[in-house]
Amino acid sequence: MIKLFGRERYHWQPELSWAIIYWSIAVAPIFIGLSLLYEHTEIPSQVFILFALFIILVGIGFHRYFLIENGNLRIISFNIFRKSRIAISRIERIDVTKSGLTLVVKGQKDRIFYMRKWSKKYFLDALALCPEFQGEVVLLDNFIKLDYFEAYRNEKKAPTKS
């Protein structure tokens, strides 16, 4: 969770297969640029273009987050083919695992998001505080001892709005 300009952002990554493909493409320009740099005694101009492309792709890759505002869950990313706004009242269930969560929304396909442990916890706490949220949160993988589930079970206090 990052708080910028009074808004709380909860960062996520896409489904694992898409994340691996994207980050492989994002890191490729830096290796191509380094190989070009290794082959020549002077710095070729293509190296600067490839480094700039690498920086842009990394910036786009980290620009994925949730915003909770006015009874809606906004999913911010550069994917123009996906709906980026979901009414919180339409969320039926959230399946939580160690590495991420799955949103089950009425009339839509299930969506998988990978999140870090604490951003996931703060996101679920903020979502539980919304009066529009009528769904349920299901903790999966709790048949084995995982640090996340033990910490979540012991600390039940949700953050308060200020």
C-alpha atoms as a PDB file:
ATOM      1  CA  MET A   1       0.000   0.000   0.000  1.00  0.00           C
ATOM      2  CA  ILE A   2       1.293   3.422  -0.959  1.00  0.00           C
ATOM      3  CA  LYS A   3      -0.470   6.633  -0.036  1.00  0.00           C
ATOM      4  CA  LEU A   4      -0.018   9.340  -2.678  1.00  0.00           C
ATOM      5  CA  PHE A   5      -1.967  12.596  -2.764  1.00  0.00           C
ATOM      6  CA  GLY A   6      -4.393  11.307  -0.120  1.00  0.00           C
ATOM      7  CA  ARG A   7      -5.291   8.172  -2.086  1.00  0.00           C
ATOM      8  CA  GLU A   8      -4.253   4.687  -1.054  1.00  0.00           C
ATOM      9  CA  ARG A   9      -2.895   2.483  -3.822  1.00  0.00           C
ATOM     10  CA  TYR A  10      -2.624  -1.270  -3.512  1.00  0.00           C
ATOM     11  CA  HIS A  11      -0.099  -2.608  -6.041  1.00  0.00           C
ATOM     12  CA  TRP A  12      -0.551  -5.892  -7.869  1.00  0.00           C
ATOM     13  CA  GLN A  13       0.952  -7.925 -10.686  1.00  0.00           C
ATOM     14  CA  PRO A  14      -0.972  -9.855 -13.361  1.00  0.00           C
ATOM     15  CA  GLU A  15      -1.393 -13.593 -13.585  1.00  0.00           C
ATOM     16  CA  LEU A  16       1.932 -15.394 -13.359  1.00  0.00           C
ATOM     17  CA  SER A  17       2.185 -16.412 -17.029  1.00  0.00           C
ATOM     18  CA  TRP A  18       1.546 -12.841 -18.211  1.00  0.00           C
ATOM     19  CA  ALA A  19       3.963 -11.435 -15.644  1.00  0.00           C
ATOM     20  CA  ILE A  20       6.757 -13.732 -16.808  1.00  0.00           C
ATOM     21  CA  ILE A  21       6.157 -12.856 -20.458  1.00  0.00           C
ATOM     22  CA  TYR A  22       5.976  -9.117 -19.764  1.00  0.00           C
ATOM     23  CA  TRP A  23       9.063  -8.931 -17.567  1.00  0.00           C
ATOM     24  CA  SER A  24      11.057 -11.043 -20.047  1.00  0.00           C
ATOM     25  CA  ILE A  25      10.212  -8.568 -22.790  1.00  0.00           C
ATOM     26  CA  ALA A  26      10.942  -5.626 -20.478  1.00  0.00           C
ATOM     27  CA  VAL A  27      14.411  -6.882 -19.515  1.00  0.00           C
ATOM     28  CA  ALA A  28      15.446  -7.912 -23.057  1.00  0.00           C
ATOM     29  CA  PRO A  29      16.434  -4.372 -24.227  1.00  0.00           C
ATOM     30  CA  ILE A  30      18.954  -3.964 -21.411  1.00  0.00           C
ATOM     31  CA  PHE A  31      20.732  -7.204 -22.400  1.00  0.00           C
ATOM     32  CA  ILE A  32      20.709  -6.299 -26.081  1.00  0.00           C
ATOM     33  CA  GLY A  33      22.102  -2.863 -25.217  1.00  0.00           C
ATOM     34  CA  LEU A  34      24.813  -4.364 -23.030  1.00  0.00           C
ATOM     35  CA  SER A  35      25.817  -6.800 -25.783  1.00  0.00           C
ATOM     36  CA  LEU A  36      26.034  -3.916 -28.269  1.00  0.00           C
ATOM     37  CA  LEU A  37      28.153  -2.015 -25.785  1.00  0.00           C
ATOM     38  CA  TYR A  38      30.456  -4.998 -25.331  1.00  0.00           C
ATOM     39  CA  GLU A  39      31.010  -5.438 -29.095  1.00  0.00           C
ATOM     40  CA  HIS A  40      32.090  -1.854 -29.844  1.00  0.00           C
ATOM     41  CA  THR A  41      34.830   0.345 -28.428  1.00  0.00           C
ATOM     42  CA  GLU A  42      32.633   3.453 -28.603  1.00  0.00           C
ATOM     43  CA  ILE A  43      29.089   3.730 -27.291  1.00  0.00           C
ATOM     44  CA  PRO A  44      26.604   3.225 -30.143  1.00  0.00           C
ATOM     45  CA  SER A  45      23.498   5.419 -30.181  1.00  0.00           C
ATOM     46  CA  GLN A  46      21.225   2.348 -30.181  1.00  0.00           C
ATOM     47  CA  VAL A  47      22.310   1.620 -26.591  1.00  0.00           C
ATOM     48  CA  PHE A  48      20.658   4.822 -25.354  1.00  0.00           C
ATOM     49  CA  ILE A  49      17.452   3.981 -27.181  1.00  0.00           C
ATOM     50  CA  LEU A  50      17.407   0.470 -25.692  1.00  0.00           C
ATOM     51  CA  PHE A  51      18.104   1.803 -22.170  1.00  0.00           C
ATOM     52  CA  ALA A  52      15.242   4.310 -22.563  1.00  0.00           C
ATOM     53  CA  LEU A  53      12.949   1.509 -23.777  1.00  0.00           C
ATOM     54  CA  PHE A  54      13.939  -0.565 -20.738  1.00  0.00           C
ATOM     55  CA  ILE A  55      13.145   2.322 -18.356  1.00  0.00           C
ATOM     56  CA  ILE A  56       9.760   2.916 -20.013  1.00  0.00           C
ATOM     57  CA  LEU A  57       8.793  -0.780 -19.881  1.00  0.00           C
ATOM     58  CA  VAL A  58       9.771  -1.050 -16.211  1.00  0.00           C
ATOM     59  CA  GLY A  59       7.704   2.071 -15.435  1.00  0.00           C
ATOM     60  CA  ILE A  60       4.689   0.617 -17.221  1.00  0.00           C
ATOM     61  CA  GLY A  61       5.204  -2.724 -15.449  1.00  0.00           C
ATOM     62  CA  PHE A  62       5.026  -1.152 -12.013  1.00  0.00           C
ATOM     63  CA  HIS A  63       1.997   1.017 -12.891  1.00  0.00           C
ATOM     64  CA  ARG A  64      -0.597  -1.507 -11.697  1.00  0.00           C
ATOM     65  CA  TYR A  65      -2.686  -0.823  -8.625  1.00  0.00           C
ATOM     66  CA  PHE A  66      -6.164  -0.829  -7.083  1.00  0.00           C
ATOM     67  CA  LEU A  67      -8.065   2.269  -5.953  1.00  0.00           C
ATOM     68  CA  ILE A  68     -11.157   2.113  -3.773  1.00  0.00           C
ATOM     69  CA  GLU A  69     -13.349   5.154  -4.343  1.00  0.00           C
ATOM     70  CA  ASN A  70     -17.074   5.985  -4.306  1.00  0.00           C
ATOM     71  CA  GLY A  71     -18.214   2.374  -4.020  1.00  0.00           C
ATOM     72  CA  ASN A  72     -16.088   1.275  -6.964  1.00  0.00           C
ATOM     73  CA  LEU A  73     -12.890  -0.695  -7.243  1.00  0.00           C
ATOM     74  CA  ARG A  74     -10.721   0.810  -9.968  1.00  0.00           C
ATOM     75  CA  ILE A  75      -8.112  -1.489 -11.470  1.00  0.00           C
ATOM     76  CA  ILE A  76      -5.384   0.703 -12.896  1.00  0.00           C
ATOM     77  CA  SER A  77      -3.115  -0.743 -15.589  1.00  0.00           C
ATOM     78  CA  PHE A  78      -2.174  -0.094 -19.195  1.00  0.00           C
ATOM     79  CA  ASN A  79      -4.410  -2.905 -20.452  1.00  0.00           C
ATOM     80  CA  ILE A  80      -6.980  -1.171 -22.632  1.00  0.00           C
ATOM     81  CA  PHE A  81      -8.934  -4.381 -23.326  1.00  0.00           C
ATOM     82  CA  ARG A  82     -10.083  -4.974 -19.715  1.00  0.00           C
ATOM     83  CA  LYS A  83     -12.787  -3.218 -17.760  1.00  0.00           C
ATOM     84  CA  SER A  84     -11.060  -1.041 -15.196  1.00  0.00           C
ATOM     85  CA  ARG A  85     -13.957  -0.316 -12.835  1.00  0.00           C
ATOM     86  CA  ILE A  86     -15.930  -2.816 -10.765  1.00  0.00           C
ATOM     87  CA  ALA A  87     -18.768  -1.946  -8.409  1.00  0.00           C
ATOM     88  CA  ILE A  88     -17.801  -3.229  -4.963  1.00  0.00           C
ATOM     89  CA  SER A  89     -21.359  -4.446  -4.392  1.00  0.00           C
ATOM     90  CA  ARG A  90     -20.957  -6.870  -7.359  1.00  0.00           C
ATOM     91  CA  ILE A  91     -18.004  -8.693  -5.790  1.00  0.00           C
ATOM     92  CA  GLU A  92     -19.316 -12.066  -4.591  1.00  0.00           C
ATOM     93  CA  ARG A  93     -16.148 -13.574  -3.184  1.00  0.00           C
ATOM     94  CA  ILE A  94     -12.433 -12.971  -2.818  1.00  0.00           C
ATOM     95  CA  ASP A  95     -10.271 -16.085  -2.667  1.00  0.00           C
ATOM     96  CA  VAL A  96      -7.009 -15.333  -0.863  1.00  0.00           C
ATOM     97  CA  THR A  97      -3.930 -17.484  -1.270  1.00  0.00           C
ATOM     98  CA  LYS A  98      -0.354 -17.019  -0.149  1.00  0.00           C
ATOM     99  CA  SER A  99       0.752 -15.361  -3.381  1.00  0.00           C
ATOM    100  CA  GLY A 100      -2.341 -13.454  -4.474  1.00  0.00           C
ATOM    101  CA  LEU A 101      -6.086 -13.185  -4.658  1.00  0.00           C
ATOM    102  CA  THR A 102      -8.901 -14.008  -7.036  1.00  0.00           C
ATOM    103  CA  LEU A 103     -11.841 -11.642  -7.511  1.00  0.00           C
ATOM    104  CA  VAL A 104     -15.126 -13.425  -8.219  1.00  0.00           C
ATOM    105  CA  VAL A 105     -17.530 -10.835  -9.665  1.00  0.00           C
ATOM    106  CA  LYS A 106     -21.142 -11.399 -10.745  1.00  0.00           C
ATOM    107  CA  GLY A 107     -21.415 -11.768 -14.504  1.00  0.00           C
ATOM    108  CA  GLN A 108     -17.654 -11.629 -15.113  1.00  0.00           C
ATOM    109  CA  LYS A 109     -14.817 -14.067 -15.407  1.00  0.00           C
ATOM    110  CA  ASP A 110     -12.676 -14.636 -12.318  1.00  0.00           C
ATOM    111  CA  ARG A 111      -9.590 -12.417 -12.237  1.00  0.00           C
ATOM    112  CA  ILE A 112      -6.320 -13.392 -10.573  1.00  0.00           C
ATOM    113  CA  PHE A 113      -4.000 -10.748  -9.102  1.00  0.00           C
ATOM    114  CA  TYR A 114      -0.642 -11.393  -7.456  1.00  0.00           C
ATOM    115  CA  MET A 115       0.132  -9.154  -4.500  1.00  0.00           C
ATOM    116  CA  ARG A 116       2.699  -8.902  -1.763  1.00  0.00           C
ATOM    117  CA  LYS A 117       1.672  -9.976   1.715  1.00  0.00           C
ATOM    118  CA  TRP A 118       1.115  -6.593   3.373  1.00  0.00           C
ATOM    119  CA  SER A 119      -0.413  -4.758   0.435  1.00  0.00           C
ATOM    120  CA  LYS A 120      -2.875  -7.656   0.151  1.00  0.00           C
ATOM    121  CA  LYS A 121      -3.701  -7.420   3.854  1.00  0.00           C
ATOM    122  CA  TYR A 122      -4.298  -3.655   3.762  1.00  0.00           C
ATOM    123  CA  PHE A 123      -6.367  -4.006   0.577  1.00  0.00           C
ATOM    124  CA  LEU A 124      -8.617  -6.629   2.180  1.00  0.00           C
ATOM    125  CA  ASP A 125      -8.970  -4.542   5.340  1.00  0.00           C
ATOM    126  CA  ALA A 126      -9.927  -1.431   3.346  1.00  0.00           C
ATOM    127  CA  LEU A 127     -12.373  -3.419   1.254  1.00  0.00           C
ATOM    128  CA  ALA A 128     -13.972  -4.884   4.390  1.00  0.00           C
ATOM    129  CA  LEU A 129     -14.523  -1.347   5.727  1.00  0.00           C
ATOM    130  CA  CYS A 130     -16.519  -0.364   2.629  1.00  0.00           C
ATOM    131  CA  PRO A 131     -20.254  -0.518   3.407  1.00  0.00           C
ATOM    132  CA  GLU A 132     -20.970  -1.643  -0.194  1.00  0.00           C
ATOM    133  CA  PHE A 133     -18.928  -4.843   0.169  1.00  0.00           C
ATOM    134  CA  GLN A 134     -21.345  -7.705   0.840  1.00  0.00           C
ATOM    135  CA  GLY A 135     -19.175 -10.564  -0.413  1.00  0.00           C
ATOM    136  CA  GLU A 136     -17.050 -12.984   1.513  1.00  0.00           C
ATOM    137  CA  VAL A 137     -13.297 -13.389   1.883  1.00  0.00           C
ATOM    138  CA  VAL A 138     -12.160 -17.009   1.718  1.00  0.00           C
ATOM    139  CA  LEU A 139      -8.670 -17.887   2.964  1.00  0.00           C
ATOM    140  CA  LEU A 140      -7.399 -20.782   0.889  1.00  0.00           C
ATOM    141  CA  ASP A 141      -4.194 -22.738   1.599  1.00  0.00           C
ATOM    142  CA  ASN A 142      -4.897 -22.458   5.327  1.00  0.00           C
ATOM    143  CA  PHE A 143      -4.535 -26.184   5.901  1.00  0.00           C
ATOM    144  CA  ILE A 144      -0.788 -25.663   6.337  1.00  0.00           C
ATOM    145  CA  LYS A 145       1.010 -23.188   8.579  1.00  0.00           C
ATOM    146  CA  LEU A 146       1.771 -20.086   6.523  1.00  0.00           C
ATOM    147  CA  ASP A 147       3.041 -16.888   8.091  1.00  0.00           C
ATOM    148  CA  TYR A 148       0.489 -14.764   6.263  1.00  0.00           C
ATOM    149  CA  PHE A 149      -2.539 -16.592   7.587  1.00  0.00           C
ATOM    150  CA  GLU A 150      -1.231 -16.710  11.147  1.00  0.00           C
ATOM    151  CA  ALA A 151      -0.505 -12.963  11.094  1.00  0.00           C
ATOM    152  CA  TYR A 152      -3.875 -12.233   9.535  1.00  0.00           C
ATOM    153  CA  ARG A 153      -5.713 -14.402  12.043  1.00  0.00           C
ATOM    154  CA  ASN A 154      -3.961 -12.788  15.028  1.00  0.00           C
ATOM    155  CA  GLU A 155      -4.277  -9.172  13.898  1.00  0.00           C
ATOM    156  CA  LYS A 156      -7.970  -8.544  13.270  1.00  0.00           C
ATOM    157  CA  LYS A 157      -7.974  -4.773  13.650  1.00  0.00           C
ATOM    158  CA  ALA A 158      -8.690  -3.016  10.387  1.00  0.00           C
ATOM    159  CA  PRO A 159      -7.119   0.393   9.686  1.00  0.00           C
ATOM    160  CA  THR A 160      -9.430   3.297  10.434  1.00  0.00           C
ATOM    161  CA  LYS A 161     -10.203   6.089   8.036  1.00  0.00           C
ATOM    162  CA  SER A 162      -8.789   9.463   9.064  1.00  0.00           C
END
